Amino acid sequence: VKARCAELAAVERESAEKFRRQFIGRTVEALVETPNTRTPPGCVRGLTDRYIEVTFPKDGRESLVGKVVCLRIERLSDGGLAGTLAENR
């Protein structure tokens, strides 16, 4: 049972990474939420309409929590994506 669970967990991680990878280079909208324990210092996090967590630098801007922003996705991060603020589409 433990081996099968480990195998299924590996398949899930690979599938989730493949899904998130398709967003690299795209611009997405995300609702900015309160940072959590995984949010790197100096960054904030947003949640896309597909429930993907995106972290991005806040660049000294006023609080963005509760706002919908456009983000340019640059790379995968631990359990999500990383990007930068983009101009509105």
PDB file of N, CA and C in Angstrom:
ATOM      1  N   VAL A   1       0.829  -1.189   0.000  1.00  0.00           N
ATOM      2  CA  VAL A   1       0.000   0.000   0.000  1.00  0.00           C
ATOM      3  C   VAL A   1       0.875   1.254   0.000  1.00  0.00           C
ATOM      4  N   LYS A   2       1.936   1.263   0.821  1.00  0.00           N
ATOM      5  CA  LYS A   2       2.815   2.439   0.886  1.00  0.00           C
ATOM      6  C   LYS A   2       3.502   2.690  -0.450  1.00  0.00           C
ATOM      7  N   ALA A   3       3.923   1.631  -1.104  1.00  0.00           N
ATOM      8  CA  ALA A   3       4.591   1.775  -2.404  1.00  0.00           C
ATOM      9  C   ALA A   3       3.631   2.341  -3.435  1.00  0.00           C
ATOM     10  N   ARG A   4       2.409   1.855  -3.426  1.00  0.00           N
ATOM     11  CA  ARG A   4       1.396   2.346  -4.381  1.00  0.00           C
ATOM     12  C   ARG A   4       1.071   3.816  -4.112  1.00  0.00           C
ATOM     13  N   CYS A   5       0.973   4.192  -2.841  1.00  0.00           N
ATOM     14  CA  CYS A   5       0.724   5.601  -2.494  1.00  0.00           C
ATOM     15  C   CYS A   5       1.868   6.495  -2.964  1.00  0.00           C
ATOM     16  N   ALA A   6       3.090   6.026  -2.779  1.00  0.00           N
ATOM     17  CA  ALA A   6       4.254   6.794  -3.229  1.00  0.00           C
ATOM     18  C   ALA A   6       4.252   6.938  -4.742  1.00  0.00           C
ATOM     19  N   GLU A   7       3.898   5.872  -5.431  1.00  0.00           N
ATOM     20  CA  GLU A   7       3.829   5.910  -6.889  1.00  0.00           C
ATOM     21  C   GLU A   7       2.762   6.892  -7.360  1.00  0.00           C
ATOM     22  N   LEU A   8       1.606   6.857  -6.743  1.00  0.00           N
ATOM     23  CA  LEU A   8       0.527   7.781  -7.110  1.00  0.00           C
ATOM     24  C   LEU A   8       0.908   9.231  -6.810  1.00  0.00           C
ATOM     25  N   ALA A   9       1.596   9.457  -5.699  1.00  0.00           N
ATOM     26  CA  ALA A   9       2.043  10.805  -5.362  1.00  0.00           C
ATOM     27  C   ALA A   9       3.021  11.324  -6.409  1.00  0.00           C
ATOM     28  N   ALA A  10       3.907  10.470  -6.893  1.00  0.00           N
ATOM     29  CA  ALA A  10       4.866  10.870  -7.928  1.00  0.00           C
ATOM     30  C   ALA A  10       4.147  11.216  -9.228  1.00  0.00           C
ATOM     31  N   VAL A  11       3.162  10.425  -9.593  1.00  0.00           N
ATOM     32  CA  VAL A  11       2.378  10.695 -10.809  1.00  0.00           C
ATOM     33  C   VAL A  11       1.637  12.024 -10.664  1.00  0.00           C
ATOM     34  N   GLU A  12       1.090  12.286  -9.490  1.00  0.00           N
ATOM     35  CA  GLU A  12       0.370  13.544  -9.254  1.00  0.00           C
ATOM     36  C   GLU A  12       1.306  14.740  -9.377  1.00  0.00           C
ATOM     37  N   ARG A  13       2.509  14.639  -8.798  1.00  0.00           N
ATOM     38  CA  ARG A  13       3.474  15.739  -8.893  1.00  0.00           C
ATOM     39  C   ARG A  13       3.860  16.015 -10.344  1.00  0.00           C
ATOM     40  N   GLU A  14       4.111  14.963 -11.097  1.00  0.00           N
ATOM     41  CA  GLU A  14       4.481  15.116 -12.509  1.00  0.00           C
ATOM     42  C   GLU A  14       3.335  15.739 -13.306  1.00  0.00           C
ATOM     43  N   SER A  15       2.130  15.291 -13.058  1.00  0.00           N
ATOM     44  CA  SER A  15       0.965  15.814 -13.762  1.00  0.00           C
ATOM     45  C   SER A  15       0.738  17.290 -13.434  1.00  0.00           C
ATOM     46  N   ALA A  16       0.842  17.633 -12.152  1.00  0.00           N
ATOM     47  CA  ALA A  16       0.648  19.026 -11.733  1.00  0.00           C
ATOM     48  C   ALA A  16       1.725  19.928 -12.331  1.00  0.00           C
ATOM     49  N   GLU A  17       2.979  19.460 -12.361  1.00  0.00           N
ATOM     50  CA  GLU A  17       4.058  20.257 -12.944  1.00  0.00           C
ATOM     51  C   GLU A  17       3.835  20.469 -14.438  1.00  0.00           C
ATOM     52  N   LYS A  18       3.413  19.435 -15.128  1.00  0.00           N
ATOM     53  CA  LYS A  18       3.135  19.545 -16.560  1.00  0.00           C
ATOM     54  C   LYS A  18       2.026  20.575 -16.810  1.00  0.00           C
ATOM     55  N   PHE A  19       0.994  20.541 -15.984  1.00  0.00           N
ATOM     56  CA  PHE A  19      -0.108  21.499 -16.118  1.00  0.00           C
ATOM     57  C   PHE A  19       0.386  22.927 -15.896  1.00  0.00           C
ATOM     58  N   ARG A  20       1.158  23.155 -14.818  1.00  0.00           N
ATOM     59  CA  ARG A  20       1.638  24.510 -14.514  1.00  0.00           C
ATOM     60  C   ARG A  20       2.621  25.010 -15.564  1.00  0.00           C
ATOM     61  N   ARG A  21       3.432  24.107 -16.127  1.00  0.00           N
ATOM     62  CA  ARG A  21       4.446  24.492 -17.111  1.00  0.00           C
ATOM     63  C   ARG A  21       3.834  25.189 -18.332  1.00  0.00           C
ATOM     64  N   GLN A  22       2.604  24.847 -18.693  1.00  0.00           N
ATOM     65  CA  GLN A  22       1.982  25.445 -19.876  1.00  0.00           C
ATOM     66  C   GLN A  22       1.718  26.944 -19.724  1.00  0.00           C
ATOM     67  N   PHE A  23       1.802  27.473 -18.496  1.00  0.00           N
ATOM     68  CA  PHE A  23       1.548  28.891 -18.271  1.00  0.00           C
ATOM     69  C   PHE A  23       2.808  29.749 -18.364  1.00  0.00           C
ATOM     70  N   ILE A  24       3.983  29.130 -18.426  1.00  0.00           N
ATOM     71  CA  ILE A  24       5.228  29.895 -18.511  1.00  0.00           C
ATOM     72  C   ILE A  24       5.222  30.705 -19.804  1.00  0.00           C
ATOM     73  N   GLY A  25       5.518  32.006 -19.672  1.00  0.00           N
ATOM     74  CA  GLY A  25       5.526  32.910 -20.816  1.00  0.00           C
ATOM     75  C   GLY A  25       4.183  33.570 -21.073  1.00  0.00           C
ATOM     76  N   ARG A  26       3.161  33.181 -20.357  1.00  0.00           N
ATOM     77  CA  ARG A  26       1.833  33.763 -20.542  1.00  0.00           C
ATOM     78  C   ARG A  26       1.563  34.824 -19.475  1.00  0.00           C
ATOM     79  N   THR A  27       0.545  35.624 -19.742  1.00  0.00           N
ATOM     80  CA  THR A  27       0.065  36.594 -18.767  1.00  0.00           C
ATOM     81  C   THR A  27      -1.261  36.083 -18.226  1.00  0.00           C
ATOM     82  N   VAL A  28      -1.375  36.075 -16.898  1.00  0.00           N
ATOM     83  CA  VAL A  28      -2.590  35.595 -16.248  1.00  0.00           C
ATOM     84  C   VAL A  28      -3.065  36.634 -15.246  1.00  0.00           C
ATOM     85  N   GLU A  29      -4.332  36.561 -14.892  1.00  0.00           N
ATOM     86  CA  GLU A  29      -4.870  37.394 -13.835  1.00  0.00           C
ATOM     87  C   GLU A  29      -4.878  36.584 -12.550  1.00  0.00           C
ATOM     88  N   ALA A  30      -4.596  37.266 -11.438  1.00  0.00           N
ATOM     89  CA  ALA A  30      -4.595  36.588 -10.143  1.00  0.00           C
ATOM     90  C   ALA A  30      -5.115  37.541  -9.072  1.00  0.00           C
ATOM     91  N   LEU A  31      -5.850  36.984  -8.129  1.00  0.00           N
ATOM     92  CA  LEU A  31      -6.310  37.727  -6.964  1.00  0.00           C
ATOM     93  C   LEU A  31      -5.204  37.665  -5.926  1.00  0.00           C
ATOM     94  N   VAL A  32      -4.715  38.821  -5.501  1.00  0.00           N
ATOM     95  CA  VAL A  32      -3.619  38.871  -4.536  1.00  0.00           C
ATOM     96  C   VAL A  32      -4.174  38.571  -3.146  1.00  0.00           C
ATOM     97  N   GLU A  33      -3.518  37.628  -2.479  1.00  0.00           N
ATOM     98  CA  GLU A  33      -3.943  37.206  -1.152  1.00  0.00           C
ATOM     99  C   GLU A  33      -2.851  37.497  -0.129  1.00  0.00           C
ATOM    100  N   THR A  34      -3.196  37.348   1.130  1.00  0.00           N
ATOM    101  CA  THR A  34      -2.243  37.534   2.205  1.00  0.00           C
ATOM    102  C   THR A  34      -1.121  36.506   2.077  1.00  0.00           C
ATOM    103  N   PRO A  35       0.136  36.923   2.235  1.00  0.00           N
ATOM    104  CA  PRO A  35       1.242  35.968   2.151  1.00  0.00           C
ATOM    105  C   PRO A  35       1.079  34.847   3.175  1.00  0.00           C
ATOM    106  N   ASN A  36       1.590  33.661   2.833  1.00  0.00           N
ATOM    107  CA  ASN A  36       1.578  32.548   3.775  1.00  0.00           C
ATOM    108  C   ASN A  36       3.010  32.172   4.122  1.00  0.00           C
ATOM    109  N   THR A  37       3.203  31.077   4.837  1.00  0.00           N
ATOM    110  CA  THR A  37       4.544  30.698   5.296  1.00  0.00           C
ATOM    111  C   THR A  37       5.481  30.332   4.154  1.00  0.00           C
ATOM    112  N   ARG A  38       4.943  29.983   2.987  1.00  0.00           N
ATOM    113  CA  ARG A  38       5.796  29.633   1.839  1.00  0.00           C
ATOM    114  C   ARG A  38       6.148  30.839   0.978  1.00  0.00           C
ATOM    115  N   THR A  39       5.543  31.989   1.236  1.00  0.00           N
ATOM    116  CA  THR A  39       5.795  33.171   0.424  1.00  0.00           C
ATOM    117  C   THR A  39       7.185  33.733   0.743  1.00  0.00           C
ATOM    118  N   PRO A  40       8.061  33.857  -0.257  1.00  0.00           N
ATOM    119  CA  PRO A  40       9.405  34.389  -0.007  1.00  0.00           C
ATOM    120  C   PRO A  40       9.348  35.841   0.489  1.00  0.00           C
ATOM    121  N   PRO A  41      10.332  36.267   1.293  1.00  0.00           N
ATOM    122  CA  PRO A  41      10.379  37.661   1.750  1.00  0.00           C
ATOM    123  C   PRO A  41      10.400  38.625   0.566  1.00  0.00           C
ATOM    124  N   GLY A  42       9.694  39.725   0.678  1.00  0.00           N
ATOM    125  CA  GLY A  42       9.642  40.722  -0.382  1.00  0.00           C
ATOM    126  C   GLY A  42       8.712  40.367  -1.516  1.00  0.00           C
ATOM    127  N   CYS A  43       7.991  39.278  -1.361  1.00  0.00           N
ATOM    128  CA  CYS A  43       7.071  38.823  -2.402  1.00  0.00           C
ATOM    129  C   CYS A  43       5.649  38.761  -1.849  1.00  0.00           C
ATOM    130  N   VAL A  44       4.719  38.740  -2.745  1.00  0.00           N
ATOM    131  CA  VAL A  44       3.323  38.497  -2.408  1.00  0.00           C
ATOM    132  C   VAL A  44       2.854  37.331  -3.265  1.00  0.00           C
ATOM    133  N   ARG A  45       1.664  36.842  -2.989  1.00  0.00           N
ATOM    134  CA  ARG A  45       1.157  35.716  -3.754  1.00  0.00           C
ATOM    135  C   ARG A  45      -0.244  36.008  -4.238  1.00  0.00           C
ATOM    136  N   GLY A  46      -0.545  35.443  -5.385  1.00  0.00           N
ATOM    137  CA  GLY A  46      -1.872  35.558  -5.955  1.00  0.00           C
ATOM    138  C   GLY A  46      -2.382  34.187  -6.329  1.00  0.00           C
ATOM    139  N   LEU A  47      -3.673  34.100  -6.520  1.00  0.00           N
ATOM    140  CA  LEU A  47      -4.302  32.837  -6.891  1.00  0.00           C
ATOM    141  C   LEU A  47      -5.041  33.060  -8.202  1.00  0.00           C
ATOM    142  N   THR A  48      -4.723  32.238  -9.206  1.00  0.00           N
ATOM    143  CA  THR A  48      -5.359  32.380 -10.513  1.00  0.00           C
ATOM    144  C   THR A  48      -6.753  31.770 -10.484  1.00  0.00           C
ATOM    145  N   ASP A  49      -7.479  31.959 -11.566  1.00  0.00           N
ATOM    146  CA  ASP A  49      -8.822  31.377 -11.663  1.00  0.00           C
ATOM    147  C   ASP A  49      -8.769  29.852 -11.734  1.00  0.00           C
ATOM    148  N   ARG A  50      -7.580  29.295 -11.922  1.00  0.00           N
ATOM    149  CA  ARG A  50      -7.413  27.834 -11.938  1.00  0.00           C
ATOM    150  C   ARG A  50      -6.774  27.347 -10.645  1.00  0.00           C
ATOM    151  N   TYR A  51      -6.796  28.205  -9.638  1.00  0.00           N
ATOM    152  CA  TYR A  51      -6.296  27.881  -8.299  1.00  0.00           C
ATOM    153  C   TYR A  51      -4.814  27.531  -8.282  1.00  0.00           C
ATOM    154  N   ILE A  52      -4.052  28.228  -9.116  1.00  0.00           N
ATOM    155  CA  ILE A  52      -2.599  28.070  -9.112  1.00  0.00           C
ATOM    156  C   ILE A  52      -2.014  29.252  -8.341  1.00  0.00           C
ATOM    157  N   GLU A  53      -1.163  28.958  -7.376  1.00  0.00           N
ATOM    158  CA  GLU A  53      -0.521  30.006  -6.601  1.00  0.00           C
ATOM    159  C   GLU A  53       0.648  30.589  -7.394  1.00  0.00           C
ATOM    160  N   VAL A  54       0.686  31.918  -7.476  1.00  0.00           N
ATOM    161  CA  VAL A  54       1.765  32.617  -8.178  1.00  0.00           C
ATOM    162  C   VAL A  54       2.414  33.588  -7.191  1.00  0.00           C
ATOM    163  N   THR A  55       3.726  33.485  -7.016  1.00  0.00           N
ATOM    164  CA  THR A  55       4.440  34.453  -6.184  1.00  0.00           C
ATOM    165  C   THR A  55       5.134  35.452  -7.100  1.00  0.00           C
ATOM    166  N   PHE A  56       5.203  36.698  -6.630  1.00  0.00           N
ATOM    167  CA  PHE A  56       5.857  37.747  -7.419  1.00  0.00           C
ATOM    168  C   PHE A  56       6.351  38.837  -6.480  1.00  0.00           C
ATOM    169  N   PRO A  57       7.418  39.565  -6.896  1.00  0.00           N
ATOM    170  CA  PRO A  57       7.943  40.644  -6.057  1.00  0.00           C
ATOM    171  C   PRO A  57       6.958  41.795  -5.985  1.00  0.00           C
ATOM    172  N   LYS A  58       6.810  42.371  -4.782  1.00  0.00           N
ATOM    173  CA  LYS A  58       5.872  43.481  -4.657  1.00  0.00           C
ATOM    174  C   LYS A  58       6.487  44.815  -5.067  1.00  0.00           C
ATOM    175  N   ASP A  59       7.802  44.846  -5.233  1.00  0.00           N
ATOM    176  CA  ASP A  59       8.502  46.021  -5.766  1.00  0.00           C
ATOM    177  C   ASP A  59       8.142  47.321  -5.062  1.00  0.00           C
ATOM    178  N   GLY A  60       7.955  47.274  -3.739  1.00  0.00           N
ATOM    179  CA  GLY A  60       7.707  48.488  -2.970  1.00  0.00           C
ATOM    180  C   GLY A  60       6.373  49.158  -3.229  1.00  0.00           C
ATOM    181  N   ARG A  61       5.482  48.496  -3.926  1.00  0.00           N
ATOM    182  CA  ARG A  61       4.173  49.082  -4.187  1.00  0.00           C
ATOM    183  C   ARG A  61       3.321  49.003  -2.944  1.00  0.00           C
ATOM    184  N   GLU A  62       2.269  49.830  -2.914  1.00  0.00           N
ATOM    185  CA  GLU A  62       1.330  49.772  -1.802  1.00  0.00           C
ATOM    186  C   GLU A  62       0.662  48.394  -1.779  1.00  0.00           C
ATOM    187  N   SER A  63      -0.025  48.116  -0.737  1.00  0.00           N
ATOM    188  CA  SER A  63      -0.628  46.799  -0.567  1.00  0.00           C
ATOM    189  C   SER A  63      -1.499  46.426  -1.763  1.00  0.00           C
ATOM    190  N   LEU A  64      -1.251  45.251  -2.285  1.00  0.00           N
ATOM    191  CA  LEU A  64      -2.034  44.757  -3.412  1.00  0.00           C
ATOM    192  C   LEU A  64      -3.064  43.717  -2.975  1.00  0.00           C
ATOM    193  N   VAL A  65      -3.075  43.378  -1.685  1.00  0.00           N
ATOM    194  CA  VAL A  65      -3.980  42.352  -1.182  1.00  0.00           C
ATOM    195  C   VAL A  65      -5.425  42.731  -1.498  1.00  0.00           C
ATOM    196  N   GLY A  66      -6.144  41.776  -2.084  1.00  0.00           N
ATOM    197  CA  GLY A  66      -7.542  41.989  -2.438  1.00  0.00           C
ATOM    198  C   GLY A  66      -7.757  42.524  -3.842  1.00  0.00           C
ATOM    199  N   LYS A  67      -6.672  42.797  -4.555  1.00  0.00           N
ATOM    200  CA  LYS A  67      -6.786  43.322  -5.917  1.00  0.00           C
ATOM    201  C   LYS A  67      -6.485  42.229  -6.932  1.00  0.00           C
ATOM    202  N   VAL A  68      -7.066  42.346  -8.102  1.00  0.00           N
ATOM    203  CA  VAL A  68      -6.763  41.450  -9.214  1.00  0.00           C
ATOM    204  C   VAL A  68      -5.689  42.126 -10.054  1.00  0.00           C
ATOM    205  N   VAL A  69      -4.601  41.410 -10.284  1.00  0.00           N
ATOM    206  CA  VAL A  69      -3.477  41.956 -11.056  1.00  0.00           C
ATOM    207  C   VAL A  69      -3.141  41.033 -12.208  1.00  0.00           C
ATOM    208  N   CYS A  70      -2.479  41.582 -13.210  1.00  0.00           N
ATOM    209  CA  CYS A  70      -1.975  40.782 -14.326  1.00  0.00           C
ATOM    210  C   CYS A  70      -0.520  40.423 -14.022  1.00  0.00           C
ATOM    211  N   LEU A  71      -0.205  39.150 -14.207  1.00  0.00           N
ATOM    212  CA  LEU A  71       1.130  38.658 -13.915  1.00  0.00           C
ATOM    213  C   LEU A  71       1.708  37.945 -15.122  1.00  0.00           C
ATOM    214  N   ARG A  72       2.950  38.232 -15.412  1.00  0.00           N
ATOM    215  CA  ARG A  72       3.682  37.530 -16.470  1.00  0.00           C
ATOM    216  C   ARG A  72       4.397  36.357 -15.810  1.00  0.00           C
ATOM    217  N   ILE A  73       4.054  35.143 -16.208  1.00  0.00           N
ATOM    218  CA  ILE A  73       4.612  33.943 -15.599  1.00  0.00           C
ATOM    219  C   ILE A  73       5.989  33.674 -16.187  1.00  0.00           C
ATOM    220  N   GLU A  74       6.987  33.508 -15.308  1.00  0.00           N
ATOM    221  CA  GLU A  74       8.374  33.328 -15.745  1.00  0.00           C
ATOM    222  C   GLU A  74       8.925  31.930 -15.514  1.00  0.00           C
ATOM    223  N   ARG A  75       8.473  31.267 -14.440  1.00  0.00           N
ATOM    224  CA  ARG A  75       9.047  29.958 -14.119  1.00  0.00           C
ATOM    225  C   ARG A  75       8.161  29.220 -13.131  1.00  0.00           C
ATOM    226  N   LEU A  76       8.490  27.947 -12.942  1.00  0.00           N
ATOM    227  CA  LEU A  76       7.842  27.140 -11.913  1.00  0.00           C
ATOM    228  C   LEU A  76       8.456  27.495 -10.568  1.00  0.00           C
ATOM    229  N   SER A  77       7.683  27.372  -9.518  1.00  0.00           N
ATOM    230  CA  SER A  77       8.205  27.504  -8.162  1.00  0.00           C
ATOM    231  C   SER A  77       7.717  26.312  -7.366  1.00  0.00           C
ATOM    232  N   ASP A  78       8.105  26.222  -6.127  1.00  0.00           N
ATOM    233  CA  ASP A  78       7.672  25.102  -5.295  1.00  0.00           C
ATOM    234  C   ASP A  78       6.156  25.101  -5.170  1.00  0.00           C
ATOM    235  N   GLY A  79       5.522  24.172  -5.838  1.00  0.00           N
ATOM    236  CA  GLY A  79       4.075  24.030  -5.739  1.00  0.00           C
ATOM    237  C   GLY A  79       3.262  25.075  -6.471  1.00  0.00           C
ATOM    238  N   GLY A  80       3.898  25.898  -7.290  1.00  0.00           N
ATOM    239  CA  GLY A  80       3.152  26.929  -8.002  1.00  0.00           C
ATOM    240  C   GLY A  80       3.961  27.537  -9.130  1.00  0.00           C
ATOM    241  N   LEU A  81       3.766  28.832  -9.326  1.00  0.00           N
ATOM    242  CA  LEU A  81       4.454  29.571 -10.377  1.00  0.00           C
ATOM    243  C   LEU A  81       5.074  30.824  -9.796  1.00  0.00           C
ATOM    244  N   ALA A  82       6.019  31.402 -10.509  1.00  0.00           N
ATOM    245  CA  ALA A  82       6.631  32.669 -10.127  1.00  0.00           C
ATOM    246  C   ALA A  82       6.566  33.594 -11.331  1.00  0.00           C
ATOM    247  N   GLY A  83       6.305  34.873 -11.070  1.00  0.00           N
ATOM    248  CA  GLY A  83       6.188  35.824 -12.158  1.00  0.00           C
ATOM    249  C   GLY A  83       6.471  37.238 -11.706  1.00  0.00           C
ATOM    250  N   THR A  84       6.105  38.177 -12.571  1.00  0.00           N
ATOM    251  CA  THR A  84       6.252  39.595 -12.281  1.00  0.00           C
ATOM    252  C   THR A  84       4.965  40.307 -12.678  1.00  0.00           C
ATOM    253  N   LEU A  85       4.763  41.481 -12.089  1.00  0.00           N
ATOM    254  CA  LEU A  85       3.605  42.280 -12.460  1.00  0.00           C
ATOM    255  C   LEU A  85       3.702  42.668 -13.931  1.00  0.00           C
ATOM    256  N   ALA A  86       2.600  42.596 -14.626  1.00  0.00           N
ATOM    257  CA  ALA A  86       2.551  42.939 -16.045  1.00  0.00           C
ATOM    258  C   ALA A  86       1.572  44.078 -16.252  1.00  0.00           C
ATOM    259  N   GLU A  87       1.691  44.726 -17.385  1.00  0.00           N
ATOM    260  CA  GLU A  87       0.715  45.761 -17.737  1.00  0.00           C
ATOM    261  C   GLU A  87      -0.630  45.077 -17.951  1.00  0.00           C
ATOM    262  N   ASN A  88      -1.704  45.809 -17.712  1.00  0.00           N
ATOM    263  CA  ASN A  88      -3.042  45.235 -17.953  1.00  0.00           C
ATOM    264  C   ASN A  88      -3.178  44.817 -19.390  1.00  0.00           C
ATOM    265  N   ARG A  89      -3.884  43.692 -19.585  1.00  0.00           N
ATOM    266  CA  ARG A  89      -4.090  43.172 -20.927  1.00  0.00           C
ATOM    267  C   ARG A  89      -5.059  44.014 -21.696  1.00  0.00           C
TER     268      ARG A  89
END
